[in-house]
Every structure is written in C-alpha cells, then in structure tokens.
PDB file of N, CA and C in Angstrom:
ATOM      1  N   MET A   1      78.151 129.912 125.981  1.00  0.00           N
ATOM      2  CA  MET A   1      78.892 128.947 125.242  1.00  0.00           C
ATOM      3  C   MET A   1      78.265 128.856 123.836  1.00  0.00           C
ATOM      4  N   ASN A   2      79.114 129.017 122.699  1.00  0.00           N
ATOM      5  CA  ASN A   2      78.641 128.834 121.348  1.00  0.00           C
ATOM      6  C   ASN A   2      78.711 127.578 120.922  1.00  0.00           C
ATOM      7  N   HIS A   3      77.599 126.991 120.255  1.00  0.00           N
ATOM      8  CA  HIS A   3      77.574 125.586 119.872  1.00  0.00           C
ATOM      9  C   HIS A   3      77.791 125.698 118.402  1.00  0.00           C
ATOM     10  N   SER A   4      78.070 126.703 117.700  1.00  0.00           N
ATOM     11  CA  SER A   4      78.190 126.778 116.300  1.00  0.00           C
ATOM     12  C   SER A   4      79.595 127.432 115.994  1.00  0.00           C
ATOM     13  N   ILE A   5      80.195 126.790 115.042  1.00  0.00           N
ATOM     14  CA  ILE A   5      81.641 127.312 114.658  1.00  0.00           C
ATOM     15  C   ILE A   5      81.520 128.673 113.906  1.00  0.00           C
ATOM     16  N   TYR A   6      80.285 128.925 113.290  1.00  0.00           N
ATOM     17  CA  TYR A   6      80.049 130.081 112.516  1.00  0.00           C
ATOM     18  C   TYR A   6      79.805 131.313 113.382  1.00  0.00           C
ATOM     19  N   SER A   7      79.322 131.109 114.540  1.00  0.00           N
ATOM     20  CA  SER A   7      79.009 132.181 115.406  1.00  0.00           C
ATOM     21  C   SER A   7      80.107 132.426 116.453  1.00  0.00           C
ATOM     22  N   ALA A   8      81.209 131.579 116.504  1.00  0.00           N
ATOM     23  CA  ALA A   8      82.234 131.571 117.608  1.00  0.00           C
ATOM     24  C   ALA A   8      83.114 132.877 117.147  1.00  0.00           C
ATOM     25  N   ASP A   9      83.593 133.333 118.423  1.00  0.00           N
ATOM     26  CA  ASP A   9      84.468 134.472 118.343  1.00  0.00           C
ATOM     27  C   ASP A   9      85.797 134.227 117.985  1.00  0.00           C
ATOM     28  N   ARG A  10      86.738 135.187 117.877  1.00  0.00           N
ATOM     29  CA  ARG A  10      88.115 135.071 117.360  1.00  0.00           C
ATOM     30  C   ARG A  10      88.889 134.090 118.213  1.00  0.00           C
ATOM     31  N   THR A  11      88.801 134.241 119.564  1.00  0.00           N
ATOM     32  CA  THR A  11      89.581 133.488 120.406  1.00  0.00           C
ATOM     33  C   THR A  11      89.320 131.955 120.383  1.00  0.00           C
ATOM     34  N   THR A  12      87.890 131.655 120.134  1.00  0.00           N
ATOM     35  CA  THR A  12      87.472 130.289 119.935  1.00  0.00           C
ATOM     36  C   THR A  12      88.165 129.700 118.659  1.00  0.00           C
ATOM     37  N   HIS A  13      88.175 130.395 117.505  1.00  0.00           N
ATOM     38  CA  HIS A  13      88.769 129.948 116.465  1.00  0.00           C
ATOM     39  C   HIS A  13      90.368 129.734 116.695  1.00  0.00           C
ATOM     40  N   LEU A  14      90.927 130.682 117.272  1.00  0.00           N
ATOM     41  CA  LEU A  14      92.396 130.562 117.666  1.00  0.00           C
ATOM     42  C   LEU A  14      92.671 129.285 118.513  1.00  0.00           C
ATOM     43  N   LYS A  15      91.856 128.989 119.464  1.00  0.00           N
ATOM     44  CA  LYS A  15      91.988 127.780 120.368  1.00  0.00           C
ATOM     45  C   LYS A  15      91.926 126.551 119.478  1.00  0.00           C
ATOM     46  N   ILE A  16      90.905 126.552 118.492  1.00  0.00           N
ATOM     47  CA  ILE A  16      90.701 125.399 117.741  1.00  0.00           C
ATOM     48  C   ILE A  16      91.938 125.112 116.755  1.00  0.00           C
ATOM     49  N   VAL A  17      92.512 126.242 116.173  1.00  0.00           N
ATOM     50  CA  VAL A  17      93.675 126.035 115.255  1.00  0.00           C
ATOM     51  C   VAL A  17      94.882 125.533 116.191  1.00  0.00           C
ATOM     52  N   VAL A  18      95.070 126.024 117.452  1.00  0.00           N
ATOM     53  CA  VAL A  18      96.229 125.627 118.179  1.00  0.00           C
ATOM     54  C   VAL A  18      96.124 124.201 118.685  1.00  0.00           C
ATOM     55  N   VAL A  19      94.790 123.764 119.094  1.00  0.00           N
ATOM     56  CA  VAL A  19      94.606 122.411 119.395  1.00  0.00           C
ATOM     57  C   VAL A  19      94.951 121.470 118.201  1.00  0.00           C
ATOM     58  N   ALA A  20      94.412 121.792 117.028  1.00  0.00           N
ATOM     59  CA  ALA A  20      94.669 121.012 115.798  1.00  0.00           C
ATOM     60  C   ALA A  20      96.091 120.978 115.345  1.00  0.00           C
ATOM     61  N   LEU A  21      96.916 122.106 115.675  1.00  0.00           N
ATOM     62  CA  LEU A  21      98.217 122.224 115.240  1.00  0.00           C
ATOM     63  C   LEU A  21      99.102 121.257 116.247  1.00  0.00           C
ATOM     64  N   VAL A  22      98.878 121.369 117.451  1.00  0.00           N
ATOM     65  CA  VAL A  22      99.436 120.631 118.527  1.00  0.00           C
ATOM     66  C   VAL A  22      99.278 119.045 118.345  1.00  0.00           C
ATOM     67  N   ALA A  23      97.876 118.708 117.966  1.00  0.00           N
ATOM     68  CA  ALA A  23      97.649 117.345 117.642  1.00  0.00           C
ATOM     69  C   ALA A  23      98.379 116.807 116.396  1.00  0.00           C
ATOM     70  N   GLY A  24      98.563 117.756 115.423  1.00  0.00           N
ATOM     71  CA  GLY A  24      99.219 117.344 114.205  1.00  0.00           C
ATOM     72  C   GLY A  24     100.764 117.087 114.577  1.00  0.00           C
ATOM     73  N   ILE A  25     101.341 117.878 115.378  1.00  0.00           N
ATOM     74  CA  ILE A  25     102.683 117.725 115.783  1.00  0.00           C
ATOM     75  C   ILE A  25     103.070 116.476 116.491  1.00  0.00           C
ATOM     76  N   VAL A  26     101.958 116.154 117.490  1.00  0.00           N
ATOM     77  CA  VAL A  26     102.117 114.847 118.303  1.00  0.00           C
ATOM     78  C   VAL A  26     102.089 113.699 117.338  1.00  0.00           C
ATOM     79  N   VAL A  27     101.061 113.771 116.467  1.00  0.00           N
ATOM     80  CA  VAL A  27     100.937 112.519 115.629  1.00  0.00           C
ATOM     81  C   VAL A  27     102.155 112.387 114.581  1.00  0.00           C
ATOM     82  N   ALA A  28     102.667 113.565 114.175  1.00  0.00           N
ATOM     83  CA  ALA A  28     103.906 113.438 113.378  1.00  0.00           C
ATOM     84  C   ALA A  28     105.126 113.071 114.137  1.00  0.00           C
ATOM     85  N   GLY A  29     105.289 113.487 115.382  1.00  0.00           N
ATOM     86  CA  GLY A  29     106.372 112.979 116.255  1.00  0.00           C
ATOM     87  C   GLY A  29     106.307 111.559 116.544  1.00  0.00           C
ATOM     88  N   PHE A  30     105.108 111.183 116.781  1.00  0.00           N
ATOM     89  CA  PHE A  30     104.808 109.693 117.171  1.00  0.00           C
ATOM     90  C   PHE A  30     105.163 108.763 115.960  1.00  0.00           C
ATOM     91  N   SER A  31     104.737 109.202 114.950  1.00  0.00           N
ATOM     92  CA  SER A  31     105.025 108.411 113.726  1.00  0.00           C
ATOM     93  C   SER A  31     106.485 108.363 113.280  1.00  0.00           C
ATOM     94  N   ILE A  32     107.185 109.394 113.479  1.00  0.00           N
ATOM     95  CA  ILE A  32     108.591 109.415 113.249  1.00  0.00           C
ATOM     96  C   ILE A  32     109.339 108.440 114.206  1.00  0.00           C
ATOM     97  N   SER A  33     108.917 108.741 115.477  1.00  0.00           N
ATOM     98  CA  SER A  33     109.566 107.838 116.522  1.00  0.00           C
ATOM     99  C   SER A  33     109.311 106.378 116.477  1.00  0.00           C
ATOM    100  N   ALA A  34     108.168 106.070 115.973  1.00  0.00           N
ATOM    101  CA  ALA A  34     107.731 104.667 115.809  1.00  0.00           C
ATOM    102  C   ALA A  34     108.286 104.013 114.519  1.00  0.00           C
ATOM    103  N   ARG A  35     108.966 104.731 113.635  1.00  0.00           N
ATOM    104  CA  ARG A  35     109.473 104.254 112.355  1.00  0.00           C
ATOM    105  C   ARG A  35     110.629 103.157 112.695  1.00  0.00           C
ATOM    106  N   ASP A  36     110.553 102.028 111.914  1.00  0.00           N
ATOM    107  CA  ASP A  36     111.555 101.001 111.965  1.00  0.00           C
ATOM    108  C   ASP A  36     112.837 101.544 111.250  1.00  0.00           C
ATOM    109  N   THR A  37     113.986 101.822 111.940  1.00  0.00           N
ATOM    110  CA  THR A  37     115.139 102.211 111.334  1.00  0.00           C
ATOM    111  C   THR A  37     116.254 101.123 111.125  1.00  0.00           C
ATOM    112  N   SER A  38     115.775  99.856 111.258  1.00  0.00           N
ATOM    113  CA  SER A  38     116.742  98.808 110.974  1.00  0.00           C
ATOM    114  C   SER A  38     117.003  98.692 109.343  1.00  0.00           C
ATOM    115  N   ASP A  39     118.076  98.212 109.028  1.00  0.00           N
ATOM    116  CA  ASP A  39     118.423  98.044 107.586  1.00  0.00           C
ATOM    117  C   ASP A  39     118.500  96.581 107.124  1.00  0.00           C
ATOM    118  N   GLU A  40     117.702  95.682 107.828  1.00  0.00           N
ATOM    119  CA  GLU A  40     117.655  94.280 107.498  1.00  0.00           C
ATOM    120  C   GLU A  40     117.157  93.988 106.057  1.00  0.00           C
ATOM    121  N   GLY A  41     116.145  94.679 105.682  1.00  0.00           N
ATOM    122  CA  GLY A  41     115.424  94.299 104.512  1.00  0.00           C
ATOM    123  C   GLY A  41     116.130  95.018 103.215  1.00  0.00           C
ATOM    124  N   LEU A  42     117.102  95.986 103.532  1.00  0.00           N
ATOM    125  CA  LEU A  42     117.579  96.698 102.508  1.00  0.00           C
ATOM    126  C   LEU A  42     118.778  96.220 101.866  1.00  0.00           C
ATOM    127  N   THR A  43     119.482  95.323 102.513  1.00  0.00           N
ATOM    128  CA  THR A  43     120.832  94.803 102.105  1.00  0.00           C
ATOM    129  C   THR A  43     120.568  93.443 101.453  1.00  0.00           C
ATOM    130  N   GLN A  44     121.358  93.237 100.408  1.00  0.00           N
ATOM    131  CA  GLN A  44     121.442  91.877  99.766  1.00  0.00           C
ATOM    132  C   GLN A  44     122.738  91.204  99.989  1.00  0.00           C
ATOM    133  N   THR A  45     122.575  89.958 100.304  1.00  0.00           N
ATOM    134  CA  THR A  45     123.948  89.214 100.462  1.00  0.00           C
ATOM    135  C   THR A  45     123.862  88.129  99.414  1.00  0.00           C
ATOM    136  N   ALA A  46     125.071  87.397  99.411  1.00  0.00           N
ATOM    137  CA  ALA A  46     125.107  86.367  98.496  1.00  0.00           C
ATOM    138  C   ALA A  46     124.306  85.104  98.747  1.00  0.00           C
ATOM    139  N   SER A  47     123.702  85.057 100.046  1.00  0.00           N
ATOM    140  CA  SER A  47     122.861  84.004 100.276  1.00  0.00           C
ATOM    141  C   SER A  47     121.427  84.120  99.807  1.00  0.00           C
ATOM    142  N   THR A  48     121.051  85.342  99.445  1.00  0.00           N
ATOM    143  CA  THR A  48     119.691  85.487  98.939  1.00  0.00           C
ATOM    144  C   THR A  48     119.587  84.874  97.469  1.00  0.00           C
ATOM    145  N   ARG A  49     118.453  84.415  97.158  1.00  0.00           N
ATOM    146  CA  ARG A  49     118.312  83.777  95.810  1.00  0.00           C
ATOM    147  C   ARG A  49     118.066  84.687  94.896  1.00  0.00           C
ATOM    148  N   VAL A  50     118.448  84.559  93.631  1.00  0.00           N
ATOM    149  CA  VAL A  50     118.428  85.455  92.547  1.00  0.00           C
ATOM    150  C   VAL A  50     117.586  84.715  91.493  1.00  0.00           C
ATOM    151  N   MET A  51     116.529  85.468  91.042  1.00  0.00           N
ATOM    152  CA  MET A  51     115.661  84.888  89.885  1.00  0.00           C
ATOM    153  C   MET A  51     116.188  85.366  88.708  1.00  0.00           C
ATOM    154  N   LYS A  52     116.387  84.464  87.684  1.00  0.00           N
ATOM    155  CA  LYS A  52     116.881  84.806  86.422  1.00  0.00           C
ATOM    156  C   LYS A  52     115.703  84.668  85.304  1.00  0.00           C
ATOM    157  N   ALA A  53     115.720  85.297  84.342  1.00  0.00           N
ATOM    158  CA  ALA A  53     114.693  85.262  83.319  1.00  0.00           C
ATOM    159  C   ALA A  53     115.001  84.062  82.469  1.00  0.00           C
ATOM    160  N   GLY A  54     113.952  83.412  82.185  1.00  0.00           N
ATOM    161  CA  GLY A  54     114.027  82.144  81.247  1.00  0.00           C
ATOM    162  C   GLY A  54     113.820  82.548  79.818  1.00  0.00           C
ATOM    163  N   LYS A  55     113.566  81.600  78.986  1.00  0.00           N
ATOM    164  CA  LYS A  55     113.276  81.899  77.612  1.00  0.00           C
ATOM    165  C   LYS A  55     112.005  82.602  77.416  1.00  0.00           C
ATOM    166  N   PRO A  56     111.932  83.397  76.305  1.00  0.00           N
ATOM    167  CA  PRO A  56     110.556  84.092  76.085  1.00  0.00           C
ATOM    168  C   PRO A  56     109.489  83.169  75.789  1.00  0.00           C
ATOM    169  N   VAL A  57     108.338  83.408  76.046  1.00  0.00           N
ATOM    170  CA  VAL A  57     107.106  82.655  75.711  1.00  0.00           C
ATOM    171  C   VAL A  57     106.183  83.350  74.763  1.00  0.00           C
ATOM    172  N   VAL A  58     105.765  82.776  73.886  1.00  0.00           N
ATOM    173  CA  VAL A  58     104.750  83.372  72.911  1.00  0.00           C
ATOM    174  C   VAL A  58     103.338  82.851  73.171  1.00  0.00           C
ATOM    175  N   ILE A  59     102.445  83.667  73.489  1.00  0.00           N
ATOM    176  CA  ILE A  59     101.005  83.216  73.719  1.00  0.00           C
ATOM    177  C   ILE A  59     100.250  83.575  72.497  1.00  0.00           C
ATOM    178  N   THR A  60      99.521  82.589  71.984  1.00  0.00           N
ATOM    179  CA  THR A  60      98.657  82.838  70.750  1.00  0.00           C
ATOM    180  C   THR A  60      97.222  82.352  71.088  1.00  0.00           C
ATOM    181  N   SER A  61      96.339  82.831  70.320  1.00  0.00           N
ATOM    182  CA  SER A  61      94.928  82.412  70.501  1.00  0.00           C
ATOM    183  C   SER A  61      94.366  82.156  69.057  1.00  0.00           C
ATOM    184  N   SER A  62      93.583  80.978  68.978  1.00  0.00           N
ATOM    185  CA  SER A  62      93.083  80.764  67.689  1.00  0.00           C
ATOM    186  C   SER A  62      91.594  80.982  67.722  1.00  0.00           C
ATOM    187  N   GLY A  63      91.040  81.538  68.874  1.00  0.00           N
ATOM    188  CA  GLY A  63      89.625  81.919  68.994  1.00  0.00           C
ATOM    189  C   GLY A  63      89.374  83.208  68.428  1.00  0.00           C
ATOM    190  N   ASN A  64      89.024  83.295  67.155  1.00  0.00           N
ATOM    191  CA  ASN A  64      88.596  84.674  66.701  1.00  0.00           C
ATOM    192  C   ASN A  64      87.242  85.107  67.008  1.00  0.00           C
ATOM    193  N   SER A  65      87.002  86.249  67.585  1.00  0.00           N
ATOM    194  CA  SER A  65      85.730  86.768  67.822  1.00  0.00           C
ATOM    195  C   SER A  65      85.350  87.844  66.897  1.00  0.00           C
ATOM    196  N   VAL A  66      84.145  87.783  66.308  1.00  0.00           N
ATOM    197  CA  VAL A  66      83.798  88.770  65.277  1.00  0.00           C
ATOM    198  C   VAL A  66      82.594  89.579  65.829  1.00  0.00           C
ATOM    199  N   VAL A  67      82.631  90.771  65.712  1.00  0.00           N
ATOM    200  CA  VAL A  67      81.434  91.717  66.240  1.00  0.00           C
ATOM    201  C   VAL A  67      80.859  92.237  65.158  1.00  0.00           C
ATOM    202  N   ARG A  68      79.567  91.976  64.869  1.00  0.00           N
ATOM    203  CA  ARG A  68      78.886  92.606  63.760  1.00  0.00           C
ATOM    204  C   ARG A  68      77.832  93.614  64.055  1.00  0.00           C
TER     205      ARG A  68
END
C-alpha cells in the first residue's frame, strides 16, 4: 500500500478522481433537490407596505480639521 500520492500508480490516481467526481455529483444533486422552490418571497401584493422617499436631507459640518 502506498501512503504517498506522489508514488501512487495510475489506477490509484484514477480511483481518487472517480471518488471525488462521484462525491461532487452527490453534493450537487443534494443541493439542487434541497432548494426551496416556493415563490412566496418573490411576489408582491397590494397588502405589502411600500416605502416612499421623503424630502432630501443636507448634512453639514462646521468642524474644520486642519492638517499641518
């Protein structure tokens, strides 16, 4: 048994690639199936509150800082 990836033969590398590919497909499949497909949050109705912009606000500062 080789304990180093550098000295492993071709079939060992192939097994590692296949296991990683299968694991990636399983994770992607699980994440797609676990996705929430309801459209509750995407629709707007008349009962939702609408925020409107108010009057513009001017912010001024009288504290002058001088760097010498």
